C-alpha atoms as a PDB file:
ATOM      1  CA  MET A   1       0.000   0.000   0.000  1.00  0.00           C
ATOM      2  CA  LYS A   2       2.898   2.416   0.716  1.00  0.00           C
ATOM      3  CA  LYS A   3       4.090   2.076  -2.884  1.00  0.00           C
ATOM      4  CA  LEU A   4       0.831   3.647  -4.068  1.00  0.00           C
ATOM      5  CA  HIS A   5       1.107   6.795  -1.873  1.00  0.00           C
ATOM      6  CA  PHE A   6       4.276   8.178  -3.500  1.00  0.00           C
ATOM      7  CA  PRO A   7       2.965   8.130  -7.121  1.00  0.00           C
ATOM      8  CA  LEU A   8      -0.332   9.638  -5.973  1.00  0.00           C
ATOM      9  CA  ALA A   9       1.501  12.420  -4.117  1.00  0.00           C
ATOM     10  CA  VAL A  10       3.602  13.190  -7.213  1.00  0.00           C
ATOM     11  CA  LEU A  11       0.473  13.239  -9.375  1.00  0.00           C
ATOM     12  CA  ALA A  12      -1.329  15.559  -6.937  1.00  0.00           C
ATOM     13  CA  LEU A  13       1.661  17.916  -6.828  1.00  0.00           C
ATOM     14  CA  GLY A  14       1.774  18.022 -10.642  1.00  0.00           C
ATOM     15  CA  LEU A  15      -1.926  18.889 -10.808  1.00  0.00           C
ATOM     16  CA  VAL A  16      -1.555  21.687  -8.277  1.00  0.00           C
ATOM     17  CA  LEU A  17       1.434  23.220 -10.071  1.00  0.00           C
ATOM     18  CA  SER A  18      -0.154  23.022 -13.524  1.00  0.00           C
ATOM     19  CA  ALA A  19      -3.450  24.558 -12.357  1.00  0.00           C
ATOM     20  CA  ASN A  20      -1.768  27.950 -11.905  1.00  0.00           C
ATOM     21  CA  THR A  21      -0.729  28.174 -15.571  1.00  0.00           C
ATOM     22  CA  CYS A  22      -4.350  28.008 -16.729  1.00  0.00           C
ATOM     23  CA  SER A  23      -5.188  31.377 -15.138  1.00  0.00           C
ATOM     24  CA  ASP A  24      -2.480  33.173 -17.136  1.00  0.00           C
ATOM     25  CA  LYS A  25      -4.008  32.441 -20.535  1.00  0.00           C
ATOM     26  CA  LYS A  26      -5.935  35.207 -22.288  1.00  0.00           C
ATOM     27  CA  SER A  27      -9.491  34.535 -23.359  1.00  0.00           C
ATOM     28  CA  ALA A  28     -10.516  34.669 -27.011  1.00  0.00           C
ATOM     29  CA  LYS A  29     -12.363  37.920 -26.253  1.00  0.00           C
ATOM     30  CA  ASP A  30      -9.170  39.462 -24.803  1.00  0.00           C
ATOM     31  CA  GLY A  31      -7.210  38.291 -27.846  1.00  0.00           C
ATOM     32  CA  ALA A  32      -9.682  40.026 -30.170  1.00  0.00           C
ATOM     33  CA  ALA A  33      -9.523  43.197 -28.064  1.00  0.00           C
ATOM     34  CA  ILE A  34      -5.735  43.235 -28.166  1.00  0.00           C
ATOM     35  CA  GLY A  35      -5.733  42.640 -31.918  1.00  0.00           C
ATOM     36  CA  SER A  36      -8.047  45.566 -32.565  1.00  0.00           C
ATOM     37  CA  ALA A  37      -5.979  47.906 -30.361  1.00  0.00           C
ATOM     38  CA  GLN A  38      -2.676  47.223 -32.139  1.00  0.00           C
ATOM     39  CA  GLY A  39      -1.083  49.907 -34.278  1.00  0.00           C
ATOM     40  CA  LYS A  40      -0.337  53.604 -34.093  1.00  0.00           C
ATOM     41  CA  TRP A  41      -2.872  55.883 -32.394  1.00  0.00           C
ATOM     42  CA  VAL A  42      -2.540  59.661 -32.792  1.00  0.00           C
ATOM     43  CA  LEU A  43      -3.925  61.962 -30.091  1.00  0.00           C
ATOM     44  CA  LEU A  44      -7.008  63.987 -31.092  1.00  0.00           C
ATOM     45  CA  SER A  45      -8.292  65.343 -27.780  1.00  0.00           C
ATOM     46  CA  LEU A  46      -7.580  65.455 -24.060  1.00  0.00           C
ATOM     47  CA  ASP A  47     -10.376  65.922 -21.522  1.00  0.00           C
ATOM     48  CA  GLY A  48     -12.717  66.977 -24.331  1.00  0.00           C
ATOM     49  CA  ALA A  49     -10.417  69.674 -25.778  1.00  0.00           C
ATOM     50  CA  GLU A  50      -8.888  69.288 -29.255  1.00  0.00           C
ATOM     51  CA  VAL A  51      -5.107  68.938 -29.234  1.00  0.00           C
ATOM     52  CA  ASN A  52      -3.247  71.424 -31.446  1.00  0.00           C
ATOM     53  CA  MET A  53       0.526  71.274 -31.547  1.00  0.00           C
ATOM     54  CA  PRO A  54       2.832  74.136 -32.565  1.00  0.00           C
ATOM     55  CA  GLU A  55       3.948  74.154 -36.189  1.00  0.00           C
ATOM     56  CA  GLY A  56       6.688  71.624 -36.846  1.00  0.00           C
ATOM     57  CA  VAL A  57       5.986  69.546 -33.710  1.00  0.00           C
ATOM     58  CA  GLU A  58       4.825  65.975 -34.165  1.00  0.00           C
ATOM     59  CA  THR A  59       1.392  65.153 -32.737  1.00  0.00           C
ATOM     60  CA  PRO A  60       1.557  62.909 -29.637  1.00  0.00           C
ATOM     61  CA  TYR A  61       0.822  59.222 -30.230  1.00  0.00           C
ATOM     62  CA  ILE A  62       1.095  55.722 -28.845  1.00  0.00           C
ATOM     63  CA  SER A  63       1.926  52.628 -30.861  1.00  0.00           C
ATOM     64  CA  ILE A  64       0.901  49.207 -29.523  1.00  0.00           C
ATOM     65  CA  ASP A  65       2.976  46.302 -30.854  1.00  0.00           C
ATOM     66  CA  SER A  66       1.693  43.109 -32.486  1.00  0.00           C
ATOM     67  CA  THR A  67       1.697  41.221 -29.173  1.00  0.00           C
ATOM     68  CA  GLY A  68      -0.585  43.842 -27.634  1.00  0.00           C
ATOM     69  CA  GLU A  69       1.706  44.029 -24.619  1.00  0.00           C
ATOM     70  CA  ASN A  70       4.229  46.803 -25.345  1.00  0.00           C
ATOM     71  CA  LEU A  71       3.942  50.380 -26.425  1.00  0.00           C
ATOM     72  CA  VAL A  72       6.161  53.179 -27.587  1.00  0.00           C
ATOM     73  CA  GLY A  73       5.074  56.701 -28.250  1.00  0.00           C
ATOM     74  CA  PHE A  74       5.682  60.404 -28.245  1.00  0.00           C
ATOM     75  CA  GLY A  75       4.169  62.826 -25.752  1.00  0.00           C
ATOM     76  CA  GLY A  76       4.855  66.097 -27.540  1.00  0.00           C
ATOM     77  CA  CYS A  77       8.403  66.499 -26.278  1.00  0.00           C
ATOM     78  CA  ASN A  78       9.633  63.128 -25.027  1.00  0.00           C
ATOM     79  CA  ARG A  79       9.607  59.552 -26.238  1.00  0.00           C
ATOM     80  CA  MET A  80       7.664  57.145 -24.045  1.00  0.00           C
ATOM     81  CA  PHE A  81       7.689  53.399 -23.626  1.00  0.00           C
ATOM     82  CA  GLY A  82       6.122  50.766 -21.413  1.00  0.00           C
ATOM     83  CA  THR A  83       3.598  47.996 -21.312  1.00  0.00           C
ATOM     84  CA  VAL A  84      -0.114  47.823 -21.936  1.00  0.00           C
ATOM     85  CA  LYS A  85      -2.555  45.422 -20.291  1.00  0.00           C
ATOM     86  CA  ILE A  86      -5.879  44.823 -22.043  1.00  0.00           C
ATOM     87  CA  TRP A  87      -8.642  42.517 -20.803  1.00  0.00           C
ATOM     88  CA  GLY A  88     -12.269  42.832 -21.782  1.00  0.00           C
ATOM     89  CA  ASP A  89     -12.955  46.571 -21.949  1.00  0.00           C
ATOM     90  CA  SER A  90     -10.294  47.345 -19.319  1.00  0.00           C
ATOM     91  CA  ILE A  91      -6.899  48.849 -20.080  1.00  0.00           C
ATOM     92  CA  SER A  92      -3.874  49.980 -18.109  1.00  0.00           C
ATOM     93  CA  PHE A  93      -0.370  51.161 -18.895  1.00  0.00           C
ATOM     94  CA  PRO A  94       1.831  49.828 -16.073  1.00  0.00           C
ATOM     95  CA  GLY A  95       5.462  50.874 -16.038  1.00  0.00           C
ATOM     96  CA  LEU A  96       4.938  53.776 -18.438  1.00  0.00           C
ATOM     97  CA  ALA A  97       8.142  55.823 -18.654  1.00  0.00           C
ATOM     98  CA  SER A  98       9.581  58.564 -20.829  1.00  0.00           C
ATOM     99  CA  THR A  99      12.695  60.541 -21.495  1.00  0.00           C
ATOM    100  CA  ARG A 100      12.786  63.715 -19.378  1.00  0.00           C
ATOM    101  CA  MET A 101      13.397  66.784 -21.529  1.00  0.00           C
ATOM    102  CA  TYR A 102      11.406  69.934 -20.819  1.00  0.00           C
ATOM    103  CA  CYS A 103       9.716  71.701 -23.733  1.00  0.00           C
ATOM    104  CA  VAL A 104       8.016  74.981 -22.879  1.00  0.00           C
ATOM    105  CA  GLU A 105       5.556  74.977 -25.801  1.00  0.00           C
ATOM    106  CA  THR A 106       4.353  71.380 -25.447  1.00  0.00           C
ATOM    107  CA  GLN A 107       4.928  70.369 -21.820  1.00  0.00           C
ATOM    108  CA  GLN A 108       1.308  70.920 -20.749  1.00  0.00           C
ATOM    109  CA  VAL A 109       0.006  68.644 -23.534  1.00  0.00           C
ATOM    110  CA  GLU A 110       2.570  65.981 -22.675  1.00  0.00           C
ATOM    111  CA  ASN A 111       1.810  66.089 -18.947  1.00  0.00           C
ATOM    112  CA  SER A 112      -1.928  65.814 -19.630  1.00  0.00           C
ATOM    113  CA  PHE A 113      -1.412  62.941 -22.088  1.00  0.00           C
ATOM    114  CA  LEU A 114       0.742  60.990 -19.623  1.00  0.00           C
ATOM    115  CA  GLU A 115      -1.830  61.620 -16.876  1.00  0.00           C
ATOM    116  CA  ALA A 116      -4.617  60.393 -19.183  1.00  0.00           C
ATOM    117  CA  LEU A 117      -2.689  57.187 -19.923  1.00  0.00           C
ATOM    118  CA  ASN A 118      -1.850  56.607 -16.256  1.00  0.00           C
ATOM    119  CA  THR A 119      -5.453  57.104 -15.105  1.00  0.00           C
ATOM    120  CA  ALA A 120      -7.183  55.182 -17.916  1.00  0.00           C
ATOM    121  CA  HIS A 121      -9.170  52.177 -16.703  1.00  0.00           C
ATOM    122  CA  THR A 122     -11.404  51.398 -19.668  1.00  0.00           C
ATOM    123  CA  TYR A 123     -11.310  51.833 -23.411  1.00  0.00           C
ATOM    124  CA  ALA A 124     -13.735  51.754 -26.316  1.00  0.00           C
ATOM    125  CA  LEU A 125     -13.089  51.377 -30.020  1.00  0.00           C
ATOM    126  CA  LYS A 126     -15.434  53.597 -32.029  1.00  0.00           C
ATOM    127  CA  GLY A 127     -14.647  53.217 -35.711  1.00  0.00           C
ATOM    128  CA  ASP A 128     -11.077  54.439 -36.151  1.00  0.00           C
ATOM    129  CA  GLN A 129     -11.001  56.032 -32.682  1.00  0.00           C
ATOM    130  CA  LEU A 130      -9.678  54.720 -29.379  1.00  0.00           C
ATOM    131  CA  VAL A 131     -11.375  56.347 -26.387  1.00  0.00           C
ATOM    132  CA  LEU A 132      -9.555  56.059 -23.048  1.00  0.00           C
ATOM    133  CA  SER A 133     -11.566  56.700 -19.891  1.00  0.00           C
ATOM    134  CA  GLY A 134     -10.936  56.769 -16.179  1.00  0.00           C
ATOM    135  CA  ASP A 135     -13.491  58.556 -14.030  1.00  0.00           C
ATOM    136  CA  ARG A 136     -14.383  60.417 -17.259  1.00  0.00           C
ATOM    137  CA  GLU A 137     -13.348  60.435 -20.912  1.00  0.00           C
ATOM    138  CA  ARG A 138      -9.654  61.314 -20.802  1.00  0.00           C
ATOM    139  CA  ALA A 139      -8.236  60.930 -24.308  1.00  0.00           C
ATOM    140  CA  VAL A 140      -9.424  60.237 -27.840  1.00  0.00           C
ATOM    141  CA  LEU A 141      -6.915  58.891 -30.358  1.00  0.00           C
ATOM    142  CA  ARG A 142      -7.298  58.100 -34.062  1.00  0.00           C
ATOM    143  CA  ARG A 143      -5.792  55.058 -35.716  1.00  0.00           C
ATOM    144  CA  GLU A 144      -3.129  56.089 -38.200  1.00  0.00           C
ATOM    145  CA  LYS A 145      -3.139  54.062 -41.375  1.00  0.00           C
END
């Protein structure tokens, strides 16, 4: 009878350890959401106000890679980079970082854009627009083709 306990214990341990890996897999719905959020998104408005950059300054944007997990972008003065987490209609940008130059003409736009990304909790895709919301609509971006 003792010979049977050891194989059963090993089997039970294997089941317990493998059960944790099942929770890390994305659902089909999350995979579709990530796929539709990939690409370059150019900033149109912040907190309901249209974004207008000075002549010769690139419009802020984010670009989500093909895995749907990493982003790079431009805030109006600095390059940004980090990760994106998408599940259902929820979104977050953990570990978002940027270079740290100061640009008098565009700093307010950049600060507001970074704040909008850091406080976004949900998103909606409306045609070619990505709407990021927290406690209110924070940013609207347009997919660049």
